[in-house]
Structures are given as structure tokens and as C-alpha cells.
């Protein structure tokens, strides 16, 4: 699926794209994660996000440069902000390298 992106008017609102990255935290560690085309979140009925609103989201933009390449703007800073949010919510942190590589994988897809 090819998606046409209006780079000049790219905002921060939700934009449905063909791929996303999903990873699971279980038994004290994150799994490797993977790209998926499935936009459906599979959440347990006992999830703290449903019962207590415990959740964290982090937005990030990618920009097309004059030479045609696509660049992420300071993804390591987004990872740090997500980690601070996770700390405040008593959630496991997503490691910076995992976050950045997941963002790159989605952009490459």
C-alpha cells in the first residue's frame, strides 16, 4: 500500500498508515517486537489501561529532506520523554534503542 503524505502540511493528528510496530512486555522483559499491518489493539480485559487509565503514547514526526531522504527529528528525546512518562505511571520503560529502531522500521516500511 502506497500512502501519499502531504509533507508541507503534516500535523500531529492521527494519520492511518499501513504499518505500525508492536512489542510486548512479559516476565520482566520486552520481546523483540515486529512490524504489523494490524491496526487492532488486542488488550486483556484485566489491563490496567482499561481499569485505571494507565497508558502512555508518544508522537514523533518524520520529515522528507531536500535530497528526498526521510529523517526523524530527535527520536532519542522522544524516547526519554516516554521513559519519564512510564516512570511516573509505574510502567516498564521502553529502551531508547528499541524505541528508535521501531520508529525507523515503521518509516522504512
PDB file of N, CA and C in Angstrom:
ATOM      1  N   UNK A   1       0.852  -1.174   0.000  1.00  0.00           N
ATOM      2  CA  UNK A   1       0.000   0.000   0.000  1.00  0.00           C
ATOM      3  C   UNK A   1       0.894   1.232   0.000  1.00  0.00           C
ATOM      4  N   UNK A   2       0.683   2.097  -0.943  1.00  0.00           N
ATOM      5  CA  UNK A   2       1.428   3.342  -1.010  1.00  0.00           C
ATOM      6  C   UNK A   2       0.573   4.454  -0.423  1.00  0.00           C
ATOM      7  N   UNK A   3       1.166   5.223   0.466  1.00  0.00           N
ATOM      8  CA  UNK A   3       0.453   6.322   1.103  1.00  0.00           C
ATOM      9  C   UNK A   3       1.077   7.624   0.633  1.00  0.00           C
ATOM     10  N   UNK A   4       0.250   8.540   0.172  1.00  0.00           N
ATOM     11  CA  UNK A   4       0.727   9.858  -0.220  1.00  0.00           C
ATOM     12  C   UNK A   4       0.660  10.768   1.000  1.00  0.00           C
ATOM     13  N   UNK A   5       1.785  11.346   1.346  1.00  0.00           N
ATOM     14  CA  UNK A   5       1.863  12.215   2.521  1.00  0.00           C
ATOM     15  C   UNK A   5       2.111  13.644   2.059  1.00  0.00           C
ATOM     16  N   UNK A   6       1.289  14.554   2.517  1.00  0.00           N
ATOM     17  CA  UNK A   6       1.471  15.982   2.247  1.00  0.00           C
ATOM     18  C   UNK A   6       2.456  16.512   3.288  1.00  0.00           C
ATOM     19  N   UNK A   7       3.749  16.432   2.980  1.00  0.00           N
ATOM     20  CA  UNK A   7       4.802  16.766   3.941  1.00  0.00           C
ATOM     21  C   UNK A   7       4.735  18.219   4.398  1.00  0.00           C
ATOM     22  N   UNK A   8       4.256  19.112   3.557  1.00  0.00           N
ATOM     23  CA  UNK A   8       4.195  20.531   3.903  1.00  0.00           C
ATOM     24  C   UNK A   8       3.137  20.832   4.960  1.00  0.00           C
ATOM     25  N   UNK A   9       2.113  20.006   5.045  1.00  0.00           N
ATOM     26  CA  UNK A   9       1.006  20.252   5.972  1.00  0.00           C
ATOM     27  C   UNK A   9       0.824  19.114   6.966  1.00  0.00           C
ATOM     28  N   UNK A  10       1.890  18.418   7.262  1.00  0.00           N
ATOM     29  CA  UNK A  10       1.821  17.284   8.173  1.00  0.00           C
ATOM     30  C   UNK A  10       1.646  17.778   9.605  1.00  0.00           C
ATOM     31  N   UNK A  11       0.528  17.452  10.209  1.00  0.00           N
ATOM     32  CA  UNK A  11       0.251  17.873  11.582  1.00  0.00           C
ATOM     33  C   UNK A  11       0.544  16.753  12.561  1.00  0.00           C
ATOM     34  N   UNK A  12      -0.012  16.870  13.757  1.00  0.00           N
ATOM     35  CA  UNK A  12       0.189  15.851  14.781  1.00  0.00           C
ATOM     36  C   UNK A  12      -1.056  15.000  14.996  1.00  0.00           C
ATOM     37  N   UNK A  13      -2.082  15.191  14.176  1.00  0.00           N
ATOM     38  CA  UNK A  13      -3.287  14.381  14.344  1.00  0.00           C
ATOM     39  C   UNK A  13      -3.037  12.973  13.800  1.00  0.00           C
ATOM     40  N   UNK A  14      -3.915  12.059  14.154  1.00  0.00           N
ATOM     41  CA  UNK A  14      -3.776  10.671  13.735  1.00  0.00           C
ATOM     42  C   UNK A  14      -3.849  10.556  12.219  1.00  0.00           C
ATOM     43  N   UNK A  15      -2.950   9.795  11.656  1.00  0.00           N
ATOM     44  CA  UNK A  15      -2.949   9.516  10.225  1.00  0.00           C
ATOM     45  C   UNK A  15      -2.814   8.011  10.069  1.00  0.00           C
ATOM     46  N   UNK A  16      -3.842   7.386   9.516  1.00  0.00           N
ATOM     47  CA  UNK A  16      -3.783   5.939   9.346  1.00  0.00           C
ATOM     48  C   UNK A  16      -2.733   5.600   8.303  1.00  0.00           C
ATOM     49  N   UNK A  17      -1.810   4.749   8.690  1.00  0.00           N
ATOM     50  CA  UNK A  17      -0.739   4.300   7.814  1.00  0.00           C
ATOM     51  C   UNK A  17      -0.764   2.777   7.761  1.00  0.00           C
ATOM     52  N   UNK A  18      -0.132   2.184   6.763  1.00  0.00           N
ATOM     53  CA  UNK A  18      -0.240   0.737   6.599  1.00  0.00           C
ATOM     54  C   UNK A  18       0.518  -0.085   7.645  1.00  0.00           C
ATOM     55  N   UNK A  19       1.513   0.487   8.298  1.00  0.00           N
ATOM     56  CA  UNK A  19       2.317  -0.291   9.239  1.00  0.00           C
ATOM     57  C   UNK A  19       2.403   0.380  10.596  1.00  0.00           C
ATOM     58  N   UNK A  20       2.595  -0.437  11.595  1.00  0.00           N
ATOM     59  CA  UNK A  20       2.889   0.017  12.948  1.00  0.00           C
ATOM     60  C   UNK A  20       3.806  -1.029  13.577  1.00  0.00           C
ATOM     61  N   UNK A  21       4.401  -0.698  14.688  1.00  0.00           N
ATOM     62  CA  UNK A  21       5.339  -1.591  15.373  1.00  0.00           C
ATOM     63  C   UNK A  21       4.728  -1.962  16.708  1.00  0.00           C
ATOM     64  N   UNK A  22       4.773  -3.238  17.041  1.00  0.00           N
ATOM     65  CA  UNK A  22       4.206  -3.671  18.312  1.00  0.00           C
ATOM     66  C   UNK A  22       5.210  -4.567  19.034  1.00  0.00           C
ATOM     67  N   UNK A  23       5.347  -4.332  20.330  1.00  0.00           N
ATOM     68  CA  UNK A  23       6.207  -5.153  21.185  1.00  0.00           C
ATOM     69  C   UNK A  23       5.454  -5.401  22.484  1.00  0.00           C
ATOM     70  N   UNK A  24       5.747  -6.512  23.118  1.00  0.00           N
ATOM     71  CA  UNK A  24       5.066  -6.880  24.361  1.00  0.00           C
ATOM     72  C   UNK A  24       6.076  -7.009  25.498  1.00  0.00           C
ATOM     73  N   UNK A  25       5.646  -6.587  26.681  1.00  0.00           N
ATOM     74  CA  UNK A  25       6.452  -6.708  27.895  1.00  0.00           C
ATOM     75  C   UNK A  25       5.864  -7.843  28.722  1.00  0.00           C
ATOM     76  N   UNK A  26       6.658  -8.863  28.965  1.00  0.00           N
ATOM     77  CA  UNK A  26       6.175 -10.022  29.712  1.00  0.00           C
ATOM     78  C   UNK A  26       7.327 -10.621  30.507  1.00  0.00           C
ATOM     79  N   UNK A  27       7.023 -11.028  31.734  1.00  0.00           N
ATOM     80  CA  UNK A  27       8.026 -11.647  32.604  1.00  0.00           C
ATOM     81  C   UNK A  27       9.273 -10.778  32.766  1.00  0.00           C
ATOM     82  N   UNK A  28       9.059  -9.468  32.874  1.00  0.00           N
ATOM     83  CA  UNK A  28      10.156  -8.551  33.157  1.00  0.00           C
ATOM     84  C   UNK A  28      10.997  -8.126  31.976  1.00  0.00           C
ATOM     85  N   UNK A  29      10.582  -8.453  30.761  1.00  0.00           N
ATOM     86  CA  UNK A  29      11.381  -8.033  29.610  1.00  0.00           C
ATOM     87  C   UNK A  29      10.518  -7.804  28.374  1.00  0.00           C
ATOM     88  N   UNK A  30      11.060  -6.976  27.477  1.00  0.00           N
ATOM     89  CA  UNK A  30      10.399  -6.701  26.208  1.00  0.00           C
ATOM     90  C   UNK A  30      10.764  -7.787  25.211  1.00  0.00           C
ATOM     91  N   UNK A  31       9.791  -8.193  24.390  1.00  0.00           N
ATOM     92  CA  UNK A  31      10.143  -9.098  23.299  1.00  0.00           C
ATOM     93  C   UNK A  31      10.751  -8.277  22.168  1.00  0.00           C
ATOM     94  N   UNK A  32      11.162  -8.937  21.108  1.00  0.00           N
ATOM     95  CA  UNK A  32      11.842  -8.251  20.009  1.00  0.00           C
ATOM     96  C   UNK A  32      10.926  -7.267  19.296  1.00  0.00           C
ATOM     97  N   UNK A  33       9.642  -7.532  19.266  1.00  0.00           N
ATOM     98  CA  UNK A  33       8.704  -6.661  18.571  1.00  0.00           C
ATOM     99  C   UNK A  33       8.726  -6.919  17.077  1.00  0.00           C
ATOM    100  N   UNK A  34       7.726  -6.360  16.380  1.00  0.00           N
ATOM    101  CA  UNK A  34       7.650  -6.580  14.941  1.00  0.00           C
ATOM    102  C   UNK A  34       6.754  -5.539  14.281  1.00  0.00           C
ATOM    103  N   UNK A  35       6.977  -5.364  12.989  1.00  0.00           N
ATOM    104  CA  UNK A  35       6.080  -4.547  12.180  1.00  0.00           C
ATOM    105  C   UNK A  35       4.810  -5.343  11.933  1.00  0.00           C
ATOM    106  N   UNK A  36       3.683  -4.659  11.901  1.00  0.00           N
ATOM    107  CA  UNK A  36       2.419  -5.316  11.605  1.00  0.00           C
ATOM    108  C   UNK A  36       1.528  -4.372  10.816  1.00  0.00           C
ATOM    109  N   UNK A  37       0.628  -4.951  10.056  1.00  0.00           N
ATOM    110  CA  UNK A  37      -0.383  -4.166   9.349  1.00  0.00           C
ATOM    111  C   UNK A  37      -1.685  -4.149  10.129  1.00  0.00           C
ATOM    112  N   UNK A  38      -1.743  -4.884  11.226  1.00  0.00           N
ATOM    113  CA  UNK A  38      -2.955  -4.981  12.048  1.00  0.00           C
ATOM    114  C   UNK A  38      -3.089  -3.733  12.918  1.00  0.00           C
ATOM    115  N   UNK A  39      -4.113  -2.937  12.658  1.00  0.00           N
ATOM    116  CA  UNK A  39      -4.332  -1.705  13.419  1.00  0.00           C
ATOM    117  C   UNK A  39      -5.170  -1.941  14.670  1.00  0.00           C
ATOM    118  N   UNK A  40      -5.542  -3.184  14.925  1.00  0.00           N
ATOM    119  CA  UNK A  40      -6.366  -3.509  16.083  1.00  0.00           C
ATOM    120  C   UNK A  40      -5.488  -3.762  17.300  1.00  0.00           C
ATOM    121  N   UNK A  41      -5.808  -3.102  18.411  1.00  0.00           N
ATOM    122  CA  UNK A  41      -5.106  -3.365  19.660  1.00  0.00           C
ATOM    123  C   UNK A  41      -5.783  -4.533  20.360  1.00  0.00           C
ATOM    124  N   UNK A  42      -5.005  -5.509  20.765  1.00  0.00           N
ATOM    125  CA  UNK A  42      -5.527  -6.662  21.486  1.00  0.00           C
ATOM    126  C   UNK A  42      -5.173  -6.456  22.959  1.00  0.00           C
ATOM    127  N   UNK A  43      -6.171  -6.110  23.767  1.00  0.00           N
ATOM    128  CA  UNK A  43      -5.950  -5.744  25.164  1.00  0.00           C
ATOM    129  C   UNK A  43      -6.719  -6.695  26.067  1.00  0.00           C
ATOM    130  N   UNK A  44      -6.051  -7.194  27.077  1.00  0.00           N
ATOM    131  CA  UNK A  44      -6.694  -8.072  28.052  1.00  0.00           C
ATOM    132  C   UNK A  44      -7.759  -7.310  28.829  1.00  0.00           C
ATOM    133  N   UNK A  45      -8.828  -8.003  29.182  1.00  0.00           N
ATOM    134  CA  UNK A  45      -9.885  -7.367  29.981  1.00  0.00           C
ATOM    135  C   UNK A  45      -9.388  -6.953  31.361  1.00  0.00           C
ATOM    136  N   UNK A  46      -8.260  -7.502  31.785  1.00  0.00           N
ATOM    137  CA  UNK A  46      -7.704  -7.133  33.092  1.00  0.00           C
ATOM    138  C   UNK A  46      -6.614  -6.067  32.985  1.00  0.00           C
ATOM    139  N   UNK A  47      -6.451  -5.482  31.818  1.00  0.00           N
ATOM    140  CA  UNK A  47      -5.401  -4.498  31.590  1.00  0.00           C
ATOM    141  C   UNK A  47      -5.586  -3.255  32.460  1.00  0.00           C
ATOM    142  N   UNK A  48      -4.498  -2.783  33.105  1.00  0.00           N
ATOM    143  CA  UNK A  48      -4.574  -1.541  33.878  1.00  0.00           C
ATOM    144  C   UNK A  48      -4.988  -0.335  33.024  1.00  0.00           C
ATOM    145  N   UNK A  49      -4.735  -0.400  31.720  1.00  0.00           N
ATOM    146  CA  UNK A  49      -5.143   0.727  30.867  1.00  0.00           C
ATOM    147  C   UNK A  49      -6.658   0.846  30.795  1.00  0.00           C
ATOM    148  N   UNK A  50      -7.369  -0.255  30.913  1.00  0.00           N
ATOM    149  CA  UNK A  50      -8.831  -0.211  30.919  1.00  0.00           C
ATOM    150  C   UNK A  50      -9.384   0.124  32.296  1.00  0.00           C
ATOM    151  N   UNK A  51      -8.783  -0.437  33.327  1.00  0.00           N
ATOM    152  CA  UNK A  51      -9.308  -0.257  34.679  1.00  0.00           C
ATOM    153  C   UNK A  51      -8.892   1.062  35.322  1.00  0.00           C
ATOM    154  N   UNK A  52      -7.679   1.512  35.032  1.00  0.00           N
ATOM    155  CA  UNK A  52      -7.150   2.689  35.726  1.00  0.00           C
ATOM    156  C   UNK A  52      -6.677   3.796  34.787  1.00  0.00           C
ATOM    157  N   UNK A  53      -6.794   3.594  33.495  1.00  0.00           N
ATOM    158  CA  UNK A  53      -6.333   4.600  32.540  1.00  0.00           C
ATOM    159  C   UNK A  53      -4.820   4.671  32.436  1.00  0.00           C
ATOM    160  N   UNK A  54      -4.116   3.605  32.823  1.00  0.00           N
ATOM    161  CA  UNK A  54      -2.656   3.598  32.789  1.00  0.00           C
ATOM    162  C   UNK A  54      -2.187   3.344  31.355  1.00  0.00           C
ATOM    163  N   UNK A  55      -1.732   4.400  30.699  1.00  0.00           N
ATOM    164  CA  UNK A  55      -1.271   4.280  29.329  1.00  0.00           C
ATOM    165  C   UNK A  55      -0.371   5.454  28.979  1.00  0.00           C
ATOM    166  N   UNK A  56       0.474   5.243  28.003  1.00  0.00           N
ATOM    167  CA  UNK A  56       1.378   6.301  27.557  1.00  0.00           C
ATOM    168  C   UNK A  56       1.498   6.234  26.041  1.00  0.00           C
ATOM    169  N   UNK A  57       1.450   7.391  25.401  1.00  0.00           N
ATOM    170  CA  UNK A  57       1.632   7.490  23.960  1.00  0.00           C
ATOM    171  C   UNK A  57       2.675   8.564  23.701  1.00  0.00           C
ATOM    172  N   UNK A  58       3.437   8.378  22.645  1.00  0.00           N
ATOM    173  CA  UNK A  58       4.446   9.362  22.285  1.00  0.00           C
ATOM    174  C   UNK A  58       4.352   9.615  20.793  1.00  0.00           C
ATOM    175  N   UNK A  59       4.224  10.864  20.410  1.00  0.00           N
ATOM    176  CA  UNK A  59       4.163  11.232  18.999  1.00  0.00           C
ATOM    177  C   UNK A  59       5.541  11.568  18.470  1.00  0.00           C
ATOM    178  N   UNK A  60       5.722  11.378  17.190  1.00  0.00           N
ATOM    179  CA  UNK A  60       7.014  11.644  16.566  1.00  0.00           C
ATOM    180  C   UNK A  60       6.781  11.953  15.093  1.00  0.00           C
ATOM    181  N   UNK A  61       7.499  12.927  14.583  1.00  0.00           N
ATOM    182  CA  UNK A  61       7.385  13.266  13.163  1.00  0.00           C
ATOM    183  C   UNK A  61       8.630  12.820  12.412  1.00  0.00           C
ATOM    184  N   UNK A  62       8.405  12.458  11.164  1.00  0.00           N
ATOM    185  CA  UNK A  62       9.491  12.206  10.225  1.00  0.00           C
ATOM    186  C   UNK A  62       9.360  13.259   9.129  1.00  0.00           C
ATOM    187  N   UNK A  63      10.477  13.739   8.641  1.00  0.00           N
ATOM    188  CA  UNK A  63      10.475  14.802   7.634  1.00  0.00           C
ATOM    189  C   UNK A  63      11.239  14.363   6.391  1.00  0.00           C
ATOM    190  N   UNK A  64      10.707  14.715   5.224  1.00  0.00           N
ATOM    191  CA  UNK A  64      11.430  14.474   3.978  1.00  0.00           C
ATOM    192  C   UNK A  64      12.348  15.670   3.741  1.00  0.00           C
ATOM    193  N   UNK A  65      13.608  15.383   3.452  1.00  0.00           N
ATOM    194  CA  UNK A  65      14.594  16.439   3.219  1.00  0.00           C
ATOM    195  C   UNK A  65      14.663  16.776   1.728  1.00  0.00           C
ATOM    196  N   UNK A  66      15.418  17.813   1.407  1.00  0.00           N
ATOM    197  CA  UNK A  66      15.537  18.254   0.011  1.00  0.00           C
ATOM    198  C   UNK A  66      16.104  17.170  -0.893  1.00  0.00           C
ATOM    199  N   UNK A  67      16.969  16.310  -0.338  1.00  0.00           N
ATOM    200  CA  UNK A  67      17.550  15.243  -1.166  1.00  0.00           C
ATOM    201  C   UNK A  67      16.638  14.019  -1.283  1.00  0.00           C
ATOM    202  N   UNK A  68      15.446  14.089  -0.679  1.00  0.00           N
ATOM    203  CA  UNK A  68      14.475  13.004  -0.799  1.00  0.00           C
ATOM    204  C   UNK A  68      14.506  11.981   0.316  1.00  0.00           C
ATOM    205  N   UNK A  69      15.508  12.061   1.184  1.00  0.00           N
ATOM    206  CA  UNK A  69      15.560  11.106   2.297  1.00  0.00           C
ATOM    207  C   UNK A  69      14.565  11.523   3.382  1.00  0.00           C
ATOM    208  N   UNK A  70      14.258  10.597   4.263  1.00  0.00           N
ATOM    209  CA  UNK A  70      13.342  10.872   5.364  1.00  0.00           C
ATOM    210  C   UNK A  70      14.136  10.824   6.664  1.00  0.00           C
ATOM    211  N   UNK A  71      13.974  11.850   7.490  1.00  0.00           N
ATOM    212  CA  UNK A  71      14.711  11.955   8.748  1.00  0.00           C
ATOM    213  C   UNK A  71      13.751  12.029   9.923  1.00  0.00           C
ATOM    214  N   UNK A  72      14.126  11.390  11.016  1.00  0.00           N
ATOM    215  CA  UNK A  72      13.389  11.516  12.270  1.00  0.00           C
ATOM    216  C   UNK A  72      13.993  12.675  13.042  1.00  0.00           C
ATOM    217  N   UNK A  73      13.148  13.471  13.670  1.00  0.00           N
ATOM    218  CA  UNK A  73      13.629  14.615  14.434  1.00  0.00           C
ATOM    219  C   UNK A  73      13.807  14.216  15.893  1.00  0.00           C
ATOM    220  N   UNK A  74      15.041  14.058  16.314  1.00  0.00           N
ATOM    221  CA  UNK A  74      15.429  13.771  17.702  1.00  0.00           C
ATOM    222  C   UNK A  74      14.620  12.634  18.343  1.00  0.00           C
ATOM    223  N   UNK A  75      14.603  11.451  17.743  1.00  0.00           N
ATOM    224  CA  UNK A  75      13.815  10.358  18.317  1.00  0.00           C
ATOM    225  C   UNK A  75      14.302   9.937  19.701  1.00  0.00           C
ATOM    226  N   UNK A  76      15.593  10.149  19.982  1.00  0.00           N
ATOM    227  CA  UNK A  76      16.111   9.811  21.314  1.00  0.00           C
ATOM    228  C   UNK A  76      15.466  10.679  22.394  1.00  0.00           C
ATOM    229  N   UNK A  77      15.137  11.924  22.056  1.00  0.00           N
ATOM    230  CA  UNK A  77      14.456  12.799  23.022  1.00  0.00           C
ATOM    231  C   UNK A  77      13.014  12.345  23.245  1.00  0.00           C
ATOM    232  N   UNK A  78      12.367  11.865  22.196  1.00  0.00           N
ATOM    233  CA  UNK A  78      11.021  11.311  22.354  1.00  0.00           C
ATOM    234  C   UNK A  78      11.066  10.070  23.239  1.00  0.00           C
ATOM    235  N   UNK A  79      12.098   9.246  23.049  1.00  0.00           N
ATOM    236  CA  UNK A  79      12.246   8.045  23.874  1.00  0.00           C
ATOM    237  C   UNK A  79      12.421   8.425  25.345  1.00  0.00           C
ATOM    238  N   UNK A  80      13.226   9.437  25.619  1.00  0.00           N
ATOM    239  CA  UNK A  80      13.429   9.880  27.007  1.00  0.00           C
ATOM    240  C   UNK A  80      12.130  10.394  27.621  1.00  0.00           C
ATOM    241  N   UNK A  81      11.354  11.134  26.835  1.00  0.00           N
ATOM    242  CA  UNK A  81      10.082  11.647  27.341  1.00  0.00           C
ATOM    243  C   UNK A  81       9.127  10.487  27.645  1.00  0.00           C
ATOM    244  N   UNK A  82       9.090   9.502  26.769  1.00  0.00           N
ATOM    245  CA  UNK A  82       8.254   8.324  27.006  1.00  0.00           C
ATOM    246  C   UNK A  82       8.721   7.590  28.262  1.00  0.00           C
ATOM    247  N   UNK A  83      10.021   7.491  28.463  1.00  0.00           N
ATOM    248  CA  UNK A  83      10.556   6.827  29.654  1.00  0.00           C
ATOM    249  C   UNK A  83      10.159   7.570  30.926  1.00  0.00           C
ATOM    250  N   UNK A  84      10.197   8.894  30.898  1.00  0.00           N
ATOM    251  CA  UNK A  84       9.764   9.671  32.071  1.00  0.00           C
ATOM    252  C   UNK A  84       8.282   9.431  32.356  1.00  0.00           C
ATOM    253  N   UNK A  85       7.480   9.393  31.295  1.00  0.00           N
ATOM    254  CA  UNK A  85       6.051   9.119  31.466  1.00  0.00           C
ATOM    255  C   UNK A  85       5.847   7.737  32.065  1.00  0.00           C
ATOM    256  N   UNK A  86       6.564   6.758  31.548  1.00  0.00           N
ATOM    257  CA  UNK A  86       6.451   5.396  32.079  1.00  0.00           C
ATOM    258  C   UNK A  86       6.844   5.348  33.554  1.00  0.00           C
ATOM    259  N   UNK A  87       7.895   6.043  33.934  1.00  0.00           N
ATOM    260  CA  UNK A  87       8.305   6.093  35.343  1.00  0.00           C
ATOM    261  C   UNK A  87       7.188   6.651  36.213  1.00  0.00           C
ATOM    262  N   UNK A  88       6.581   7.727  35.768  1.00  0.00           N
ATOM    263  CA  UNK A  88       5.508   8.356  36.549  1.00  0.00           C
ATOM    264  C   UNK A  88       4.297   7.440  36.694  1.00  0.00           C
ATOM    265  N   UNK A  89       4.050   6.619  35.685  1.00  0.00           N
ATOM    266  CA  UNK A  89       2.890   5.733  35.701  1.00  0.00           C
ATOM    267  C   UNK A  89       3.216   4.329  36.206  1.00  0.00           C
ATOM    268  N   UNK A  90       4.450   4.155  36.690  1.00  0.00           N
ATOM    269  CA  UNK A  90       4.912   2.859  37.193  1.00  0.00           C
ATOM    270  C   UNK A  90       4.786   1.770  36.133  1.00  0.00           C
ATOM    271  N   UNK A  91       5.174   2.132  34.917  1.00  0.00           N
ATOM    272  CA  UNK A  91       5.160   1.202  33.788  1.00  0.00           C
ATOM    273  C   UNK A  91       6.601   0.891  33.392  1.00  0.00           C
ATOM    274  N   UNK A  92       6.842  -0.263  32.773  1.00  0.00           N
ATOM    275  CA  UNK A  92       8.208  -0.563  32.320  1.00  0.00           C
ATOM    276  C   UNK A  92       8.626   0.388  31.203  1.00  0.00           C
ATOM    277  N   UNK A  93       9.860   0.857  31.272  1.00  0.00           N
ATOM    278  CA  UNK A  93      10.383   1.758  30.244  1.00  0.00           C
ATOM    279  C   UNK A  93      10.662   1.005  28.950  1.00  0.00           C
ATOM    280  N   UNK A  94      10.429   1.681  27.841  1.00  0.00           N
ATOM    281  CA  UNK A  94      10.863   1.174  26.542  1.00  0.00           C
ATOM    282  C   UNK A  94      12.297   1.663  26.358  1.00  0.00           C
ATOM    283  N   UNK A  95      13.269   0.764  26.163  1.00  0.00           N
ATOM    284  CA  UNK A  95      14.655   1.204  25.981  1.00  0.00           C
ATOM    285  C   UNK A  95      14.791   2.139  24.773  1.00  0.00           C
ATOM    286  N   UNK A  96      15.680   3.116  24.892  1.00  0.00           N
ATOM    287  CA  UNK A  96      15.867   4.105  23.830  1.00  0.00           C
ATOM    288  C   UNK A  96      16.176   3.450  22.494  1.00  0.00           C
ATOM    289  N   UNK A  97      17.106   2.495  22.478  1.00  0.00           N
ATOM    290  CA  UNK A  97      17.474   1.865  21.205  1.00  0.00           C
ATOM    291  C   UNK A  97      16.298   1.121  20.584  1.00  0.00           C
ATOM    292  N   UNK A  98      15.476   0.493  21.397  1.00  0.00           N
ATOM    293  CA  UNK A  98      14.297  -0.209  20.889  1.00  0.00           C
ATOM    294  C   UNK A  98      13.297   0.784  20.295  1.00  0.00           C
ATOM    295  N   UNK A  99      13.070   1.891  20.991  1.00  0.00           N
ATOM    296  CA  UNK A  99      12.145   2.921  20.520  1.00  0.00           C
ATOM    297  C   UNK A  99      12.605   3.492  19.180  1.00  0.00           C
ATOM    298  N   UNK A 100      13.872   3.875  19.105  1.00  0.00           N
ATOM    299  CA  UNK A 100      14.405   4.493  17.886  1.00  0.00           C
ATOM    300  C   UNK A 100      14.369   3.505  16.722  1.00  0.00           C
ATOM    301  N   UNK A 101      14.775   2.265  16.961  1.00  0.00           N
ATOM    302  CA  UNK A 101      14.759   1.265  15.891  1.00  0.00           C
ATOM    303  C   UNK A 101      13.342   0.962  15.430  1.00  0.00           C
ATOM    304  N   UNK A 102      12.376   0.960  16.347  1.00  0.00           N
ATOM    305  CA  UNK A 102      10.975   0.741  15.974  1.00  0.00           C
ATOM    306  C   UNK A 102      10.485   1.882  15.084  1.00  0.00           C
ATOM    307  N   UNK A 103      10.834   3.111  15.437  1.00  0.00           N
ATOM    308  CA  UNK A 103      10.442   4.269  14.618  1.00  0.00           C
ATOM    309  C   UNK A 103      11.056   4.179  13.228  1.00  0.00           C
ATOM    310  N   UNK A 104      12.321   3.815  13.165  1.00  0.00           N
ATOM    311  CA  UNK A 104      12.994   3.679  11.868  1.00  0.00           C
ATOM    312  C   UNK A 104      12.351   2.580  11.028  1.00  0.00           C
ATOM    313  N   UNK A 105      11.984   1.474  11.661  1.00  0.00           N
ATOM    314  CA  UNK A 105      11.361   0.361  10.935  1.00  0.00           C
ATOM    315  C   UNK A 105      10.036   0.782  10.316  1.00  0.00           C
ATOM    316  N   UNK A 106       9.243   1.541  11.067  1.00  0.00           N
ATOM    317  CA  UNK A 106       7.949   1.996  10.541  1.00  0.00           C
ATOM    318  C   UNK A 106       8.158   2.971   9.384  1.00  0.00           C
ATOM    319  N   UNK A 107       9.117   3.872   9.512  1.00  0.00           N
ATOM    320  CA  UNK A 107       9.383   4.837   8.440  1.00  0.00           C
ATOM    321  C   UNK A 107       9.891   4.117   7.187  1.00  0.00           C
ATOM    322  N   UNK A 108      10.766   3.134   7.361  1.00  0.00           N
ATOM    323  CA  UNK A 108      11.290   2.385   6.208  1.00  0.00           C
ATOM    324  C   UNK A 108      10.195   1.587   5.504  1.00  0.00           C
ATOM    325  N   UNK A 109       9.211   1.126   6.282  1.00  0.00           N
ATOM    326  CA  UNK A 109       8.138   0.295   5.694  1.00  0.00           C
ATOM    327  C   UNK A 109       7.314   1.140   4.757  1.00  0.00           C
TER     328      UNK A 109
END
